[in-house]
PDB file of N, CA and C in Angstrom:
ATOM      1  N   MET A   1       0.847  -1.183   0.000  1.00  0.00           N
ATOM      2  CA  MET A   1       0.000   0.000   0.000  1.00  0.00           C
ATOM      3  C   MET A   1       0.892   1.245   0.000  1.00  0.00           C
ATOM      4  N   ASN A   2       0.515   2.195  -0.801  1.00  0.00           N
ATOM      5  CA  ASN A   2       1.243   3.455  -0.849  1.00  0.00           C
ATOM      6  C   ASN A   2       0.610   4.396   0.188  1.00  0.00           C
ATOM      7  N   GLU A   3       1.335   4.667   1.255  1.00  0.00           N
ATOM      8  CA  GLU A   3       0.813   5.479   2.362  1.00  0.00           C
ATOM      9  C   GLU A   3       0.401   6.876   1.922  1.00  0.00           C
ATOM     10  N   GLU A   4       1.189   7.477   1.043  1.00  0.00           N
ATOM     11  CA  GLU A   4       0.879   8.833   0.586  1.00  0.00           C
ATOM     12  C   GLU A   4      -0.421   8.856  -0.217  1.00  0.00           C
ATOM     13  N   THR A   5      -0.577   7.908  -1.125  1.00  0.00           N
ATOM     14  CA  THR A   5      -1.807   7.822  -1.924  1.00  0.00           C
ATOM     15  C   THR A   5      -3.005   7.559  -1.024  1.00  0.00           C
ATOM     16  N   PHE A   6      -2.846   6.627  -0.097  1.00  0.00           N
ATOM     17  CA  PHE A   6      -3.916   6.299   0.846  1.00  0.00           C
ATOM     18  C   PHE A   6      -4.331   7.533   1.634  1.00  0.00           C
ATOM     19  N   ASN A   7      -3.369   8.263   2.167  1.00  0.00           N
ATOM     20  CA  ASN A   7      -3.643   9.460   2.949  1.00  0.00           C
ATOM     21  C   ASN A   7      -4.381  10.505   2.123  1.00  0.00           C
ATOM     22  N   ILE A   8      -3.945  10.713   0.902  1.00  0.00           N
ATOM     23  CA  ILE A   8      -4.584  11.692   0.009  1.00  0.00           C
ATOM     24  C   ILE A   8      -6.018  11.279  -0.294  1.00  0.00           C
ATOM     25  N   GLU A   9      -6.226   9.994  -0.577  1.00  0.00           N
ATOM     26  CA  GLU A   9      -7.568   9.508  -0.909  1.00  0.00           C
ATOM     27  C   GLU A   9      -8.524   9.605   0.278  1.00  0.00           C
ATOM     28  N   VAL A  10      -8.041   9.309   1.468  1.00  0.00           N
ATOM     29  CA  VAL A  10      -8.876   9.449   2.668  1.00  0.00           C
ATOM     30  C   VAL A  10      -9.243  10.916   2.869  1.00  0.00           C
ATOM     31  N   ARG A  11      -8.281  11.805   2.708  1.00  0.00           N
ATOM     32  CA  ARG A  11      -8.547  13.237   2.858  1.00  0.00           C
ATOM     33  C   ARG A  11      -9.547  13.740   1.812  1.00  0.00           C
ATOM     34  N   LYS A  12      -9.440  13.262   0.578  1.00  0.00           N
ATOM     35  CA  LYS A  12     -10.389  13.653  -0.472  1.00  0.00           C
ATOM     36  C   LYS A  12     -11.794  13.184  -0.120  1.00  0.00           C
ATOM     37  N   PHE A  13     -11.905  11.958   0.375  1.00  0.00           N
ATOM     38  CA  PHE A  13     -13.211  11.438   0.779  1.00  0.00           C
ATOM     39  C   PHE A  13     -13.791  12.264   1.923  1.00  0.00           C
ATOM     40  N   LEU A  14     -12.990  12.549   2.926  1.00  0.00           N
ATOM     41  CA  LEU A  14     -13.471  13.322   4.077  1.00  0.00           C
ATOM     42  C   LEU A  14     -13.856  14.747   3.681  1.00  0.00           C
ATOM     43  N   LYS A  15     -13.134  15.332   2.746  1.00  0.00           N
ATOM     44  CA  LYS A  15     -13.491  16.668   2.255  1.00  0.00           C
ATOM     45  C   LYS A  15     -14.845  16.619   1.568  1.00  0.00           C
ATOM     46  N   LYS A  16     -15.059  15.604   0.737  1.00  0.00           N
ATOM     47  CA  LYS A  16     -16.350  15.441   0.062  1.00  0.00           C
ATOM     48  C   LYS A  16     -17.474  15.274   1.077  1.00  0.00           C
ATOM     49  N   VAL A  17     -17.239  14.457   2.091  1.00  0.00           N
ATOM     50  CA  VAL A  17     -18.239  14.258   3.150  1.00  0.00           C
ATOM     51  C   VAL A  17     -18.522  15.578   3.852  1.00  0.00           C
ATOM     52  N   GLY A  18     -17.486  16.309   4.209  1.00  0.00           N
ATOM     53  CA  GLY A  18     -17.654  17.563   4.935  1.00  0.00           C
ATOM     54  C   GLY A  18     -18.393  18.618   4.141  1.00  0.00           C
ATOM     55  N   VAL A  19     -17.994  18.806   2.896  1.00  0.00           N
ATOM     56  CA  VAL A  19     -18.611  19.830   2.048  1.00  0.00           C
ATOM     57  C   VAL A  19     -20.073  19.481   1.779  1.00  0.00           C
ATOM     58  N   THR A  20     -20.327  18.231   1.418  1.00  0.00           N
ATOM     59  CA  THR A  20     -21.694  17.808   1.125  1.00  0.00           C
ATOM     60  C   THR A  20     -22.571  17.897   2.366  1.00  0.00           C
ATOM     61  N   SER A  21     -22.061  17.448   3.494  1.00  0.00           N
ATOM     62  CA  SER A  21     -22.831  17.496   4.745  1.00  0.00           C
ATOM     63  C   SER A  21     -23.164  18.924   5.127  1.00  0.00           C
ATOM     64  N   GLN A  22     -22.196  19.820   5.045  1.00  0.00           N
ATOM     65  CA  GLN A  22     -22.444  21.217   5.398  1.00  0.00           C
ATOM     66  C   GLN A  22     -23.514  21.816   4.509  1.00  0.00           C
ATOM     67  N   ARG A  23     -23.420  21.569   3.215  1.00  0.00           N
ATOM     68  CA  ARG A  23     -24.395  22.105   2.263  1.00  0.00           C
ATOM     69  C   ARG A  23     -25.806  21.600   2.584  1.00  0.00           C
ATOM     70  N   GLU A  24     -25.941  20.322   2.851  1.00  0.00           N
ATOM     71  CA  GLU A  24     -27.254  19.740   3.135  1.00  0.00           C
ATOM     72  C   GLU A  24     -27.824  20.236   4.462  1.00  0.00           C
ATOM     73  N   ILE A  25     -26.972  20.362   5.473  1.00  0.00           N
ATOM     74  CA  ILE A  25     -27.433  20.862   6.768  1.00  0.00           C
ATOM     75  C   ILE A  25     -27.876  22.309   6.653  1.00  0.00           C
ATOM     76  N   GLU A  26     -27.075  23.133   6.002  1.00  0.00           N
ATOM     77  CA  GLU A  26     -27.435  24.550   5.845  1.00  0.00           C
ATOM     78  C   GLU A  26     -28.753  24.702   5.093  1.00  0.00           C
ATOM     79  N   LYS A  27     -28.928  23.948   4.032  1.00  0.00           N
ATOM     80  CA  LYS A  27     -30.165  24.004   3.245  1.00  0.00           C
ATOM     81  C   LYS A  27     -31.362  23.583   4.098  1.00  0.00           C
ATOM     82  N   ALA A  28     -31.243  22.498   4.816  1.00  0.00           N
ATOM     83  CA  ALA A  28     -32.341  21.991   5.640  1.00  0.00           C
ATOM     84  C   ALA A  28     -32.694  22.948   6.767  1.00  0.00           C
ATOM     85  N   VAL A  29     -31.686  23.549   7.399  1.00  0.00           N
ATOM     86  CA  VAL A  29     -31.952  24.504   8.481  1.00  0.00           C
ATOM     87  C   VAL A  29     -32.659  25.736   7.941  1.00  0.00           C
ATOM     88  N   ARG A  30     -32.191  26.267   6.837  1.00  0.00           N
ATOM     89  CA  ARG A  30     -32.849  27.451   6.251  1.00  0.00           C
ATOM     90  C   ARG A  30     -34.300  27.161   5.899  1.00  0.00           C
ATOM     91  N   GLU A  31     -34.552  26.002   5.291  1.00  0.00           N
ATOM     92  CA  GLU A  31     -35.924  25.627   4.940  1.00  0.00           C
ATOM     93  C   GLU A  31     -36.788  25.455   6.191  1.00  0.00           C
ATOM     94  N   ALA A  32     -36.223  24.855   7.235  1.00  0.00           N
ATOM     95  CA  ALA A  32     -36.978  24.644   8.472  1.00  0.00           C
ATOM     96  C   ALA A  32     -37.304  25.968   9.154  1.00  0.00           C
ATOM     97  N   ILE A  33     -36.408  26.931   9.084  1.00  0.00           N
ATOM     98  CA  ILE A  33     -36.674  28.260   9.659  1.00  0.00           C
ATOM     99  C   ILE A  33     -37.751  28.959   8.833  1.00  0.00           C
ATOM    100  N   GLU A  34     -37.637  28.868   7.525  1.00  0.00           N
ATOM    101  CA  GLU A  34     -38.621  29.513   6.652  1.00  0.00           C
ATOM    102  C   GLU A  34     -40.027  28.972   6.852  1.00  0.00           C
ATOM    103  N   ASP A  35     -40.159  27.667   7.051  1.00  0.00           N
ATOM    104  CA  ASP A  35     -41.508  27.109   7.190  1.00  0.00           C
ATOM    105  C   ASP A  35     -41.957  26.953   8.642  1.00  0.00           C
ATOM    106  N   GLY A  36     -41.167  27.478   9.577  1.00  0.00           N
ATOM    107  CA  GLY A  36     -41.588  27.539  10.973  1.00  0.00           C
ATOM    108  C   GLY A  36     -41.298  26.313  11.822  1.00  0.00           C
ATOM    109  N   ARG A  37     -40.612  25.324  11.290  1.00  0.00           N
ATOM    110  CA  ARG A  37     -40.272  24.149  12.103  1.00  0.00           C
ATOM    111  C   ARG A  37     -39.156  24.453  13.098  1.00  0.00           C
ATOM    112  N   LEU A  38     -38.342  25.458  12.784  1.00  0.00           N
ATOM    113  CA  LEU A  38     -37.293  25.929  13.697  1.00  0.00           C
ATOM    114  C   LEU A  38     -37.426  27.435  13.833  1.00  0.00           C
ATOM    115  N   THR A  39     -36.977  27.945  14.986  1.00  0.00           N
ATOM    116  CA  THR A  39     -37.001  29.392  15.186  1.00  0.00           C
ATOM    117  C   THR A  39     -35.649  30.028  14.901  1.00  0.00           C
ATOM    118  N   GLY A  40     -34.592  29.221  14.924  1.00  0.00           N
ATOM    119  CA  GLY A  40     -33.265  29.731  14.634  1.00  0.00           C
ATOM    120  C   GLY A  40     -32.385  29.903  15.850  1.00  0.00           C
ATOM    121  N   ASP A  41     -32.910  29.550  17.033  1.00  0.00           N
ATOM    122  CA  ASP A  41     -32.086  29.665  18.240  1.00  0.00           C
ATOM    123  C   ASP A  41     -31.914  28.321  18.955  1.00  0.00           C
ATOM    124  N   GLU A  42     -32.286  27.240  18.269  1.00  0.00           N
ATOM    125  CA  GLU A  42     -32.183  25.911  18.858  1.00  0.00           C
ATOM    126  C   GLU A  42     -30.766  25.346  18.754  1.00  0.00           C
ATOM    127  N   THR A  43     -30.593  24.253  19.459  1.00  0.00           N
ATOM    128  CA  THR A  43     -29.453  23.369  19.239  1.00  0.00           C
ATOM    129  C   THR A  43     -30.062  22.093  18.679  1.00  0.00           C
ATOM    130  N   ILE A  44     -29.577  21.668  17.535  1.00  0.00           N
ATOM    131  CA  ILE A  44     -30.142  20.478  16.904  1.00  0.00           C
ATOM    132  C   ILE A  44     -29.134  19.331  16.956  1.00  0.00           C
ATOM    133  N   LYS A  45     -29.642  18.153  17.230  1.00  0.00           N
ATOM    134  CA  LYS A  45     -28.801  16.960  17.276  1.00  0.00           C
ATOM    135  C   LYS A  45     -28.514  16.488  15.861  1.00  0.00           C
ATOM    136  N   ALA A  46     -27.333  15.944  15.668  1.00  0.00           N
ATOM    137  CA  ALA A  46     -26.950  15.417  14.366  1.00  0.00           C
ATOM    138  C   ALA A  46     -26.254  14.070  14.567  1.00  0.00           C
ATOM    139  N   ASN A  47     -26.368  13.209  13.569  1.00  0.00           N
ATOM    140  CA  ASN A  47     -25.749  11.898  13.622  1.00  0.00           C
ATOM    141  C   ASN A  47     -25.262  11.530  12.225  1.00  0.00           C
ATOM    142  N   VAL A  48     -24.075  10.964  12.176  1.00  0.00           N
ATOM    143  CA  VAL A  48     -23.524  10.448  10.926  1.00  0.00           C
ATOM    144  C   VAL A  48     -23.158   8.993  11.161  1.00  0.00           C
ATOM    145  N   LYS A  49     -23.520   8.145  10.217  1.00  0.00           N
ATOM    146  CA  LYS A  49     -23.144   6.737  10.284  1.00  0.00           C
ATOM    147  C   LYS A  49     -22.041   6.494   9.256  1.00  0.00           C
ATOM    148  N   LEU A  50     -20.912   6.004   9.718  1.00  0.00           N
ATOM    149  CA  LEU A  50     -19.786   5.710   8.843  1.00  0.00           C
ATOM    150  C   LEU A  50     -19.648   4.196   8.705  1.00  0.00           C
ATOM    151  N   THR A  51     -19.754   3.727   7.487  1.00  0.00           N
ATOM    152  CA  THR A  51     -19.488   2.321   7.206  1.00  0.00           C
ATOM    153  C   THR A  51     -18.467   2.255   6.083  1.00  0.00           C
ATOM    154  N   VAL A  52     -17.608   1.279   6.158  1.00  0.00           N
ATOM    155  CA  VAL A  52     -16.588   1.108   5.133  1.00  0.00           C
ATOM    156  C   VAL A  52     -16.681  -0.319   4.606  1.00  0.00           C
ATOM    157  N   GLU A  53     -17.005  -0.409   3.312  1.00  0.00           N
ATOM    158  CA  GLU A  53     -17.146  -1.703   2.662  1.00  0.00           C
ATOM    159  C   GLU A  53     -15.850  -2.495   2.777  1.00  0.00           C
ATOM    160  N   LYS A  54     -15.973  -3.770   3.003  1.00  0.00           N
ATOM    161  CA  LYS A  54     -14.863  -4.738   3.112  1.00  0.00           C
ATOM    162  C   LYS A  54     -14.055  -4.593   4.398  1.00  0.00           C
ATOM    163  N   LEU A  55     -14.394  -3.629   5.225  1.00  0.00           N
ATOM    164  CA  LEU A  55     -13.718  -3.477   6.512  1.00  0.00           C
ATOM    165  C   LEU A  55     -14.762  -3.584   7.611  1.00  0.00           C
ATOM    166  N   ASP A  56     -14.333  -3.873   8.790  1.00  0.00           N
ATOM    167  CA  ASP A  56     -15.257  -4.004   9.912  1.00  0.00           C
ATOM    168  C   ASP A  56     -15.430  -2.644  10.577  1.00  0.00           C
ATOM    169  N   VAL A  57     -15.881  -1.659   9.764  1.00  0.00           N
ATOM    170  CA  VAL A  57     -16.079  -0.304  10.273  1.00  0.00           C
ATOM    171  C   VAL A  57     -17.569   0.024  10.193  1.00  0.00           C
ATOM    172  N   ASP A  58     -18.146   0.284  11.356  1.00  0.00           N
ATOM    173  CA  ASP A  58     -19.549   0.668  11.470  1.00  0.00           C
ATOM    174  C   ASP A  58     -19.642   1.564  12.705  1.00  0.00           C
ATOM    175  N   VAL A  59     -19.544   2.863  12.482  1.00  0.00           N
ATOM    176  CA  VAL A  59     -19.426   3.821  13.577  1.00  0.00           C
ATOM    177  C   VAL A  59     -20.520   4.884  13.466  1.00  0.00           C
ATOM    178  N   ASP A  60     -21.162   5.177  14.583  1.00  0.00           N
ATOM    179  CA  ASP A  60     -22.093   6.299  14.661  1.00  0.00           C
ATOM    180  C   ASP A  60     -21.371   7.464  15.312  1.00  0.00           C
ATOM    181  N   ILE A  61     -21.479   8.632  14.689  1.00  0.00           N
ATOM    182  CA  ILE A  61     -20.844   9.831  15.223  1.00  0.00           C
ATOM    183  C   ILE A  61     -21.972  10.810  15.560  1.00  0.00           C
ATOM    184  N   ASP A  62     -22.112  11.111  16.855  1.00  0.00           N
ATOM    185  CA  ASP A  62     -23.171  12.005  17.317  1.00  0.00           C
ATOM    186  C   ASP A  62     -22.601  13.366  17.632  1.00  0.00           C
ATOM    187  N   GLY A  63     -23.434  14.372  17.446  1.00  0.00           N
ATOM    188  CA  GLY A  63     -23.019  15.720  17.775  1.00  0.00           C
ATOM    189  C   GLY A  63     -24.227  16.644  17.864  1.00  0.00           C
ATOM    190  N   ALA A  64     -23.956  17.902  18.032  1.00  0.00           N
ATOM    191  CA  ALA A  64     -25.002  18.902  18.109  1.00  0.00           C
ATOM    192  C   ALA A  64     -24.531  20.149  17.364  1.00  0.00           C
ATOM    193  N   ILE A  65     -25.521  20.852  16.798  1.00  0.00           N
ATOM    194  CA  ILE A  65     -25.239  22.070  16.052  1.00  0.00           C
ATOM    195  C   ILE A  65     -26.050  23.191  16.688  1.00  0.00           C
ATOM    196  N   GLU A  66     -25.352  24.172  17.230  1.00  0.00           N
ATOM    197  CA  GLU A  66     -26.023  25.327  17.828  1.00  0.00           C
ATOM    198  C   GLU A  66     -26.323  26.332  16.745  1.00  0.00           C
ATOM    199  N   LEU A  67     -27.557  26.811  16.716  1.00  0.00           N
ATOM    200  CA  LEU A  67     -27.939  27.800  15.707  1.00  0.00           C
ATOM    201  C   LEU A  67     -27.747  29.232  16.192  1.00  0.00           C
ATOM    202  N   GLU A  68     -27.617  29.397  17.483  1.00  0.00           N
ATOM    203  CA  GLU A  68     -27.382  30.745  18.012  1.00  0.00           C
ATOM    204  C   GLU A  68     -26.481  30.676  19.206  1.00  0.00           C
TER     205      GLU A  68
END
């Protein structure tokens, strides 16, 4: 295994996950504020499930996002 290639590929994947997740969360929060499901001062719980095919990786990552 080429460690440098592996490291770069993992970083590219994580960047894609981060950018896509941020975009989807921001869109959903704005829509929820617009239609009254959120007021904009809540803390919302978030969860990401990470699974990796062919590896024994199945991890839930919990967190919270403060809106104000």
